[in-house]
Amino acid sequence: MSVTVSHRQTCRLCSSPNVELVVALKPIPLSEGYTTDPETARLAPRYPVDVYMCRDCGHVQHLDFIDSENLWDSYTYYSGAAKGMPEHFRQMADKILDTTKPPEGALIIDIGSNDGSLLVPFKERDYQVLGIDPATEVARRANERGIETVCALMSIDLAKKIRDERGPAHAICAFNVFAHADDLGEMVDCVRTMLAPDGLFFFEAQYLLDIIDGVLIASIFHEHMSHHSVKPLIEFLDRHGLELIAAERAPIQHGSLIGTVQLKGAGRPVEKSVHDLVALETERALDKIETLKAFDAKVVDLRETTASLAKQWQADGKTIAAFGAARSGPTLMAQMGLRDAISFIVDDHPQKVGKYSSGDGVPIYPTKELLERMPDYTIILAWVHSAKIIETNREYLEKGGHFVVLCPETRIVGKDGDVHL
């Protein structure tokens, strides 16, 4: 498969050319490229994920990006199967309905709808629902479960077609995809095109401040083209005829930003939550180059610690495995100096078991193999679920195994808790 990689010269939000490299990272392979041939997997090409900051508006982003057709071609993440996500979506559906109070049978749209999990609670209450997602397999699954889904990238032409055929939407969502588009201007223009005059747009993305505080290096991979904060988004949305009226932090994904947006001038007041987060970001200098440079230094320290431990374990003849063939796996393996250190990965995803990880060629076995093979150390690549993985695999720890957690610092967990480094 030929992959197209492009490099922007300007900020994704304000189009300024005044952008600066702030976090230099090692190139990684596409995260969903699992194959049945270990050599093909090992030789998979790697692409840049360096992080830049706009000196004018403060937006943090990748300038190198993968063509959308390549990025979503073999996507295997299903939101309905992710721990805690269906419950989170139901809570968000309740909040959206309480906030928008749409009329009976109103249209609810989800951009980047994946398997339709967010739209299920709306359909159960007899609202019209429409999902839009470019990943063929997940869109097929959504349609099979009765959530009408258009398998396509969001575009102005598609937005106009939906508006003409179905009328305006009273609520539009973009959960965990608002960081996934190179042309964010087009995405919000699509929202403005489809949104009813009194409708609201809700987005969710990982929050830059949480990424920095938690040293969440695992959240940096090709799909995540933007690392959002509130201040740059306010001006960006305003330029596109939209207004951010609420912004809150949520614990999902170890720290997310949930924004509520109306058409500019629609009448709802800007809530205190927006002003509070702007003040916090100013206090924390979130739009300053120095802040991101300090984050880069923490990443370097984390890499040196983890790589040193792995080398020592290998020298001592210890076996090292990994838990979770997660999208963040290639990032953690590359950035933490773990290439050629991990013997195998355990995961129960049916499209990953029996295959090899992209870029490293590490075999993926069912999770039951963890107890059968008993590696001395198991690095948790599915970092979002570290606590749950440790909790549900106590037998592995009781038999002498150790889990290794990498964010926000390298931490080894044994049967009696943390092991002193």
Protein backbone atom coordinates (compact mmCIF):
# COMPACT_ATOMS: atom_id res chain seq x y z
CA MET A 1 0.00 0.00 0.00
CA SER A 2 1.37 3.38 -1.00
CA VAL A 3 1.01 5.93 1.80
CA THR A 4 0.87 9.64 1.13
CA VAL A 5 2.51 11.86 3.75
CA SER A 6 2.22 15.63 3.57
CA HIS A 7 3.81 18.41 5.60
CA ARG A 8 1.91 21.56 6.44
CA GLN A 9 3.72 24.87 6.41
CA THR A 10 1.11 26.71 8.47
CA CYS A 11 -0.91 26.37 11.66
CA ARG A 12 -3.99 24.19 11.34
CA LEU A 13 -6.17 26.71 13.19
CA CYS A 14 -4.98 30.21 12.26
CA SER A 15 -2.91 29.54 9.08
CA SER A 16 0.13 31.34 10.50
CA PRO A 17 3.52 30.19 9.16
CA ASN A 18 5.03 31.00 12.57
CA VAL A 19 5.18 27.39 13.83
CA GLU A 20 8.00 25.82 15.82
CA LEU A 21 9.07 22.27 16.61
CA VAL A 22 8.57 21.70 20.36
CA VAL A 23 8.62 17.91 20.87
CA ALA A 24 10.95 15.88 18.65
CA LEU A 25 9.81 12.27 18.47
CA LYS A 26 10.94 9.13 16.69
CA PRO A 27 8.94 8.20 13.57
CA ILE A 28 6.38 5.43 14.07
CA PRO A 29 4.49 3.02 11.78
CA LEU A 30 0.75 3.33 11.18
CA SER A 31 -0.86 2.05 14.35
CA GLU A 32 -3.41 -0.30 12.77
CA GLY A 33 -1.10 -2.11 10.34
CA TYR A 34 -1.25 -5.71 11.55
CA THR A 35 -0.08 -8.45 9.16
CA THR A 36 0.33 -12.21 9.18
CA ASP A 37 3.94 -12.04 7.98
CA PRO A 38 6.50 -11.05 10.65
CA GLU A 39 9.05 -9.72 8.16
CA THR A 40 6.49 -7.53 6.41
CA ALA A 41 5.41 -6.23 9.81
CA ARG A 42 8.98 -5.56 10.92
CA LEU A 43 9.82 -3.64 7.75
CA ALA A 44 6.70 -1.46 7.84
CA PRO A 45 7.66 2.15 7.03
CA ARG A 46 7.66 4.78 9.76
CA TYR A 47 6.31 8.29 9.51
CA PRO A 48 6.92 11.48 11.55
CA VAL A 49 4.90 12.43 14.63
CA ASP A 50 6.87 15.49 15.72
CA VAL A 51 4.86 18.08 17.64
CA TYR A 52 4.79 21.79 16.76
CA MET A 53 3.35 24.90 18.37
CA CYS A 54 1.98 27.97 16.65
CA ARG A 55 3.68 31.04 18.11
CA ASP A 56 0.72 33.21 17.11
CA CYS A 57 -2.34 31.36 18.44
CA GLY A 58 -0.71 28.73 20.68
CA HIS A 59 -2.22 25.68 18.97
CA VAL A 60 -0.22 22.45 19.40
CA GLN A 61 -0.29 20.07 16.45
CA HIS A 62 1.41 17.75 14.00
CA LEU A 63 2.42 19.30 10.70
CA ASP A 64 3.17 15.93 9.09
CA PHE A 65 -0.03 14.07 8.32
CA ILE A 66 -1.12 10.87 6.60
CA ASP A 67 -3.63 10.92 3.76
CA SER A 68 -7.07 10.10 5.16
CA GLU A 69 -7.62 7.09 2.90
CA ASN A 70 -4.43 5.49 4.25
CA LEU A 71 -5.13 6.46 7.83
CA TRP A 72 -8.56 4.84 8.06
CA ASP A 73 -8.13 2.00 5.56
CA SER A 74 -7.57 -0.79 8.11
CA TYR A 75 -9.02 0.79 11.23
CA THR A 76 -9.92 -1.78 13.90
CA TYR A 77 -10.89 0.32 16.92
CA TYR A 78 -14.52 -0.14 18.02
CA SER A 79 -15.75 2.42 20.53
CA GLY A 80 -18.46 0.09 21.82
CA ALA A 81 -15.82 -2.44 22.85
CA ALA A 82 -13.61 0.05 24.70
CA LYS A 83 -13.85 -0.24 28.48
CA GLY A 84 -16.04 2.48 29.94
CA MET A 85 -16.89 4.10 26.63
CA PRO A 86 -20.53 2.93 26.19
CA GLU A 87 -21.33 4.17 29.70
CA HIS A 88 -19.62 7.48 28.97
CA PHE A 89 -21.59 7.86 25.75
CA ARG A 90 -24.89 7.25 27.55
CA GLN A 91 -24.02 9.91 30.11
CA MET A 92 -23.11 12.32 27.32
CA ALA A 93 -26.35 11.55 25.45
CA ASP A 94 -28.31 12.45 28.59
CA LYS A 95 -26.37 15.70 28.91
CA ILE A 96 -26.80 16.59 25.23
CA LEU A 97 -30.56 16.04 25.37
CA ASP A 98 -30.86 17.99 28.60
CA THR A 99 -28.89 20.90 27.10
CA THR A 100 -30.43 21.05 23.64
CA LYS A 101 -33.97 19.88 24.45
CA PRO A 102 -34.56 18.90 20.80
CA PRO A 103 -38.10 18.48 19.50
CA GLU A 104 -39.56 15.01 19.12
CA GLY A 105 -37.94 13.10 16.27
CA ALA A 106 -35.18 15.68 15.74
CA LEU A 107 -32.06 14.78 13.78
CA ILE A 108 -28.87 13.94 15.73
CA ILE A 109 -25.63 13.60 13.75
CA ASP A 110 -22.35 12.06 14.88
CA ILE A 111 -19.21 12.86 12.84
CA GLY A 112 -16.68 10.06 13.17
CA SER A 113 -19.40 7.84 14.57
CA ASN A 114 -17.38 4.60 14.60
CA ASP A 115 -19.68 1.66 15.42
CA GLY A 116 -22.60 3.93 16.30
CA SER A 117 -22.32 3.56 20.08
CA LEU A 118 -22.90 7.25 20.82
CA LEU A 119 -26.04 7.32 18.68
CA VAL A 120 -27.66 4.24 20.24
CA PRO A 121 -29.15 6.12 23.25
CA PHE A 122 -30.64 8.74 20.91
CA LYS A 123 -32.23 6.12 18.67
CA GLU A 124 -33.68 4.35 21.70
CA ARG A 125 -35.56 7.60 22.41
CA ASP A 126 -36.91 7.77 18.86
CA TYR A 127 -34.70 10.55 17.53
CA GLN A 128 -33.48 10.41 13.93
CA VAL A 129 -29.80 9.47 13.96
CA LEU A 130 -27.10 9.59 11.31
CA GLY A 131 -23.48 8.55 11.64
CA ILE A 132 -20.65 9.56 9.33
CA ASP A 133 -17.40 7.57 9.37
CA PRO A 134 -14.76 6.79 6.71
CA ALA A 135 -13.65 3.42 8.17
CA THR A 136 -15.35 0.73 6.12
CA GLU A 137 -15.46 -2.05 8.70
CA VAL A 138 -16.69 0.03 11.63
CA ALA A 139 -19.31 1.76 9.46
CA ARG A 140 -20.54 -1.65 8.30
CA ARG A 141 -20.85 -2.79 11.90
CA ALA A 142 -22.84 0.33 12.79
CA ASN A 143 -25.28 -0.20 9.94
CA GLU A 144 -25.71 -3.85 10.93
CA ARG A 145 -26.76 -2.78 14.44
CA GLY A 146 -29.36 -0.43 12.98
CA ILE A 147 -27.48 2.88 13.22
CA GLU A 148 -27.64 4.44 9.77
CA THR A 149 -24.09 5.38 8.87
CA VAL A 150 -22.62 7.03 5.78
CA CYS A 151 -19.20 5.55 5.06
CA ALA A 152 -17.39 8.68 3.91
CA LEU A 153 -15.12 11.48 5.02
CA MET A 154 -16.95 14.57 6.20
CA SER A 155 -17.02 17.19 3.44
CA ILE A 156 -18.92 20.34 2.54
CA ASP A 157 -20.64 18.55 -0.35
CA LEU A 158 -21.81 15.80 2.00
CA ALA A 159 -22.93 18.36 4.59
CA LYS A 160 -25.04 20.21 2.02
CA LYS A 161 -26.53 16.94 0.78
CA ILE A 162 -27.51 15.93 4.33
CA ARG A 163 -29.04 19.35 5.04
CA ASP A 164 -31.01 19.29 1.77
CA GLU A 165 -32.31 15.75 2.25
CA ARG A 166 -32.90 15.62 6.01
CA GLY A 167 -33.12 19.20 7.20
CA PRO A 168 -31.03 20.74 9.99
CA ALA A 169 -29.63 18.79 12.94
CA HIS A 170 -30.46 19.89 16.46
CA ALA A 171 -27.32 18.26 17.84
CA ILE A 172 -24.06 17.39 16.10
CA CYS A 173 -21.32 15.45 17.85
CA ALA A 174 -17.64 14.85 17.13
CA PHE A 175 -16.31 12.72 19.97
CA ASN A 176 -12.68 11.62 19.83
CA VAL A 177 -12.43 12.80 16.22
CA PHE A 178 -12.06 16.58 16.61
CA ALA A 179 -8.30 16.04 16.69
CA HIS A 180 -8.32 13.67 13.71
CA ALA A 181 -8.81 16.05 10.76
CA ASP A 182 -6.12 17.97 8.95
CA ASP A 183 -8.64 20.47 7.59
CA LEU A 184 -10.45 21.39 10.79
CA GLY A 185 -11.80 24.48 9.07
CA GLU A 186 -13.75 22.32 6.67
CA MET A 187 -15.06 20.17 9.52
CA VAL A 188 -16.50 23.12 11.44
CA ASP A 189 -17.86 24.61 8.21
CA CYS A 190 -19.71 21.32 7.75
CA VAL A 191 -21.07 21.66 11.27
CA ARG A 192 -22.27 25.21 10.57
CA THR A 193 -23.92 24.00 7.36
CA MET A 194 -25.86 21.18 9.04
CA LEU A 195 -26.72 22.79 12.37
CA ALA A 196 -30.19 24.14 13.16
CA PRO A 197 -30.30 27.84 14.22
CA ASP A 198 -30.85 26.83 17.85
CA GLY A 199 -28.82 23.61 17.63
CA LEU A 200 -25.57 22.80 19.41
CA PHE A 201 -22.31 21.15 18.41
CA PHE A 202 -20.50 19.00 20.98
CA PHE A 203 -16.91 17.86 20.62
CA GLU A 204 -14.57 15.83 22.79
CA ALA A 205 -10.80 15.58 22.48
CA GLN A 206 -7.86 14.89 24.75
CA TYR A 207 -6.91 18.06 26.56
CA LEU A 208 -3.40 19.45 26.10
CA LEU A 209 -3.01 20.31 29.77
CA ASP A 210 -3.72 16.70 30.78
CA ILE A 211 -1.28 15.41 28.17
CA ILE A 212 1.43 17.64 29.68
CA ASP A 213 0.63 16.97 33.33
CA GLY A 214 0.29 13.23 32.83
CA VAL A 215 3.19 12.97 30.36
CA LEU A 216 0.73 11.14 28.12
CA ILE A 217 3.19 10.45 25.33
CA ALA A 218 1.06 7.46 24.34
CA SER A 219 -1.67 9.82 23.13
CA ILE A 220 0.61 11.14 20.37
CA PHE A 221 0.20 9.18 17.14
CA HIS A 222 -0.83 9.84 13.56
CA GLU A 223 -4.60 10.04 14.08
CA HIS A 224 -4.19 12.77 16.70
CA MET A 225 -3.20 15.69 14.48
CA SER A 226 -4.18 18.33 17.04
CA HIS A 227 -3.70 18.56 20.81
CA HIS A 228 -6.40 20.98 21.78
CA SER A 229 -6.65 23.75 24.33
CA VAL A 230 -9.41 26.32 24.80
CA LYS A 231 -7.75 29.64 23.95
CA PRO A 232 -6.80 28.82 20.32
CA LEU A 233 -10.20 27.20 19.70
CA ILE A 234 -12.19 30.29 20.69
CA GLU A 235 -10.71 32.45 17.94
CA PHE A 236 -10.72 29.58 15.43
CA LEU A 237 -14.42 28.87 15.92
CA ASP A 238 -15.25 32.58 15.78
CA ARG A 239 -13.63 32.89 12.36
CA HIS A 240 -15.91 30.11 11.15
CA GLY A 241 -19.14 31.62 12.45
CA LEU A 242 -19.31 29.55 15.62
CA GLU A 243 -19.01 30.29 19.33
CA LEU A 244 -17.68 28.17 22.18
CA ILE A 245 -20.17 28.57 25.02
CA ALA A 246 -19.11 25.82 27.44
CA ALA A 247 -15.90 23.89 28.09
CA GLU A 248 -15.30 21.26 30.72
CA ARG A 249 -12.66 18.77 31.64
CA ALA A 250 -13.57 15.10 31.88
CA PRO A 251 -11.55 12.11 33.18
CA ILE A 252 -12.27 9.91 30.13
CA GLN A 253 -9.07 8.96 28.23
CA HIS A 254 -7.08 10.22 31.25
CA GLY A 255 -8.12 13.80 30.56
CA SER A 256 -10.43 15.20 27.90
CA LEU A 257 -11.92 18.52 26.90
CA ILE A 258 -15.64 18.60 26.12
CA GLY A 259 -16.80 21.69 24.26
CA THR A 260 -20.29 23.01 23.51
CA VAL A 261 -20.62 25.27 20.46
CA GLN A 262 -23.46 27.34 18.97
CA LEU A 263 -23.85 29.35 15.80
CA LYS A 264 -22.40 32.78 16.44
CA GLY A 265 -25.09 35.08 17.77
CA ALA A 266 -27.54 32.26 18.52
CA GLY A 267 -28.29 33.76 21.91
CA ARG A 268 -26.95 31.44 24.59
CA PRO A 269 -24.46 33.12 26.94
CA VAL A 270 -20.83 32.03 27.20
CA GLU A 271 -20.60 30.07 30.43
CA LYS A 272 -18.13 30.62 33.25
CA SER A 273 -16.45 27.30 32.40
CA VAL A 274 -14.92 28.83 29.26
CA HIS A 275 -13.50 31.82 31.12
CA ASP A 276 -12.20 29.58 33.90
CA LEU A 277 -10.26 27.34 31.53
CA VAL A 278 -8.83 30.31 29.64
CA ALA A 279 -7.61 31.69 32.98
CA LEU A 280 -6.11 28.31 33.91
CA GLU A 281 -4.34 28.01 30.57
CA THR A 282 -2.92 31.50 30.97
CA GLU A 283 -1.73 30.69 34.49
CA ARG A 284 -0.08 27.48 33.27
CA ALA A 285 1.46 29.20 30.22
CA LEU A 286 -0.11 26.59 27.99
CA ASP A 287 0.44 28.71 24.89
CA LYS A 288 4.16 29.26 25.55
CA ILE A 289 6.96 27.44 23.74
CA GLU A 290 8.83 26.93 27.03
CA THR A 291 5.98 24.86 28.47
CA LEU A 292 6.11 22.39 25.61
CA LYS A 293 9.91 22.30 25.72
CA ALA A 294 9.67 21.29 29.39
CA PHE A 295 7.26 18.51 28.37
CA ASP A 296 9.79 17.36 25.77
CA ALA A 297 12.46 17.13 28.48
CA LYS A 298 10.15 14.93 30.58
CA VAL A 299 9.63 12.63 27.60
CA VAL A 300 13.41 12.31 27.15
CA ASP A 301 13.85 11.44 30.84
CA LEU A 302 11.06 8.86 30.64
CA ARG A 303 12.62 7.31 27.54
CA GLU A 304 16.05 7.05 29.14
CA THR A 305 14.66 5.44 32.30
CA THR A 306 12.51 2.91 30.46
CA ALA A 307 15.12 1.99 27.86
CA SER A 308 17.75 1.51 30.59
CA LEU A 309 15.48 -0.82 32.54
CA ALA A 310 14.66 -2.87 29.44
CA LYS A 311 18.34 -3.25 28.56
CA GLN A 312 19.17 -4.35 32.10
CA TRP A 313 16.33 -6.89 32.14
CA GLN A 314 17.49 -8.31 28.80
CA ALA A 315 21.07 -8.50 30.06
CA ASP A 316 19.80 -10.39 33.12
CA GLY A 317 17.97 -12.88 30.89
CA LYS A 318 14.49 -11.67 31.87
CA THR A 319 11.58 -11.98 29.44
CA ILE A 320 9.60 -8.87 28.49
CA ALA A 321 6.08 -8.95 27.04
CA ALA A 322 3.41 -6.31 26.47
CA PHE A 323 -0.31 -6.09 27.21
CA GLY A 324 -2.63 -4.58 24.59
CA ALA A 325 -2.13 -4.22 20.84
CA ALA A 326 -3.37 -0.67 21.27
CA ARG A 327 -3.24 2.22 18.81
CA SER A 328 -0.76 3.85 21.15
CA GLY A 329 1.49 0.78 21.15
CA PRO A 330 3.83 1.83 18.31
CA THR A 331 4.26 5.24 19.96
CA LEU A 332 5.23 3.76 23.33
CA MET A 333 7.55 1.17 21.83
CA ALA A 334 9.33 3.75 19.69
CA GLN A 335 9.47 6.67 22.10
CA MET A 336 10.36 4.62 25.18
CA GLY A 337 13.28 2.77 23.56
CA LEU A 338 11.53 -0.60 23.53
CA ARG A 339 12.24 -1.69 19.97
CA ASP A 340 13.58 -5.29 19.95
CA ALA A 341 12.87 -5.62 23.69
CA ILE A 342 9.36 -7.10 23.67
CA SER A 343 8.95 -10.82 22.93
CA PHE A 344 5.18 -10.89 22.41
CA ILE A 345 1.98 -8.89 22.97
CA VAL A 346 -1.23 -10.28 24.49
CA ASP A 347 -4.62 -9.04 23.31
CA ASP A 348 -8.02 -10.59 22.58
CA HIS A 349 -9.01 -8.42 19.60
CA PRO A 350 -10.09 -10.91 16.88
CA GLN A 351 -8.50 -8.84 14.09
CA LYS A 352 -5.13 -8.72 15.87
CA VAL A 353 -4.59 -12.13 17.50
CA GLY A 354 -2.30 -14.30 15.39
CA LYS A 355 -0.78 -11.32 13.59
CA TYR A 356 2.33 -9.21 14.08
CA SER A 357 2.66 -5.61 15.20
CA SER A 358 3.50 -3.02 12.59
CA GLY A 359 7.09 -1.77 12.65
CA ASP A 360 8.38 -4.30 15.18
CA GLY A 361 7.03 -7.65 14.00
CA VAL A 362 6.06 -8.74 17.52
CA PRO A 363 3.59 -11.66 17.60
CA ILE A 364 0.19 -11.09 19.19
CA TYR A 365 -1.23 -13.88 21.34
CA PRO A 366 -4.51 -14.25 23.27
CA THR A 367 -4.39 -12.84 26.81
CA LYS A 368 -4.55 -16.35 28.28
CA GLU A 369 -0.96 -16.76 27.11
CA LEU A 370 0.15 -14.32 29.80
CA LEU A 371 -0.27 -16.98 32.51
CA GLU A 372 0.99 -19.79 30.30
CA ARG A 373 4.20 -18.01 29.26
CA MET A 374 4.71 -15.98 32.47
CA PRO A 375 7.03 -13.24 31.25
CA ASP A 376 9.03 -11.57 34.01
CA TYR A 377 7.84 -8.10 32.97
CA THR A 378 4.77 -7.05 31.01
CA ILE A 379 4.66 -3.49 29.71
CA ILE A 380 1.12 -2.12 29.46
CA LEU A 381 0.70 -0.61 25.99
CA ALA A 382 -3.05 -0.14 26.46
CA TRP A 383 -2.13 2.64 28.90
CA VAL A 384 -5.66 4.05 29.28
CA HIS A 385 -6.72 0.78 30.92
CA SER A 386 -3.63 0.20 33.10
CA ALA A 387 -5.53 0.12 36.42
CA LYS A 388 -8.15 -2.30 35.08
CA ILE A 389 -5.54 -4.57 33.49
CA ILE A 390 -3.61 -4.80 36.76
CA GLU A 391 -6.80 -5.42 38.74
CA THR A 392 -8.07 -8.23 36.50
CA ASN A 393 -4.72 -10.02 36.20
CA ARG A 394 -3.86 -10.51 39.85
CA GLU A 395 -3.00 -14.17 39.27
CA TYR A 396 -0.14 -13.15 36.99
CA LEU A 397 1.22 -10.90 39.75
CA GLU A 398 0.72 -13.54 42.46
CA LYS A 399 2.75 -16.00 40.39
CA GLY A 400 5.68 -13.60 40.30
CA GLY A 401 5.05 -11.46 37.20
CA HIS A 402 5.37 -7.69 37.05
CA PHE A 403 3.41 -5.06 35.17
CA VAL A 404 5.15 -1.93 33.92
CA VAL A 405 3.18 1.34 33.64
CA LEU A 406 4.77 4.11 31.57
CA CYS A 407 2.65 7.23 32.18
CA PRO A 408 3.31 9.69 33.82
CA GLU A 409 6.45 7.90 35.01
CA THR A 410 7.90 4.42 34.76
CA ARG A 411 6.30 2.32 37.50
CA ILE A 412 6.73 -1.40 38.19
CA VAL A 413 3.88 -3.25 39.92
CA GLY A 414 4.35 -6.59 41.66
CA LYS A 415 2.08 -8.74 43.81
CA ASP A 416 2.56 -6.44 46.80
CA GLY A 417 2.14 -3.19 44.86
CA ASP A 418 4.75 -0.85 43.42
CA VAL A 419 8.30 -2.15 43.21
CA HIS A 420 11.00 0.40 44.10
CA LEU A 421 13.14 1.25 41.07
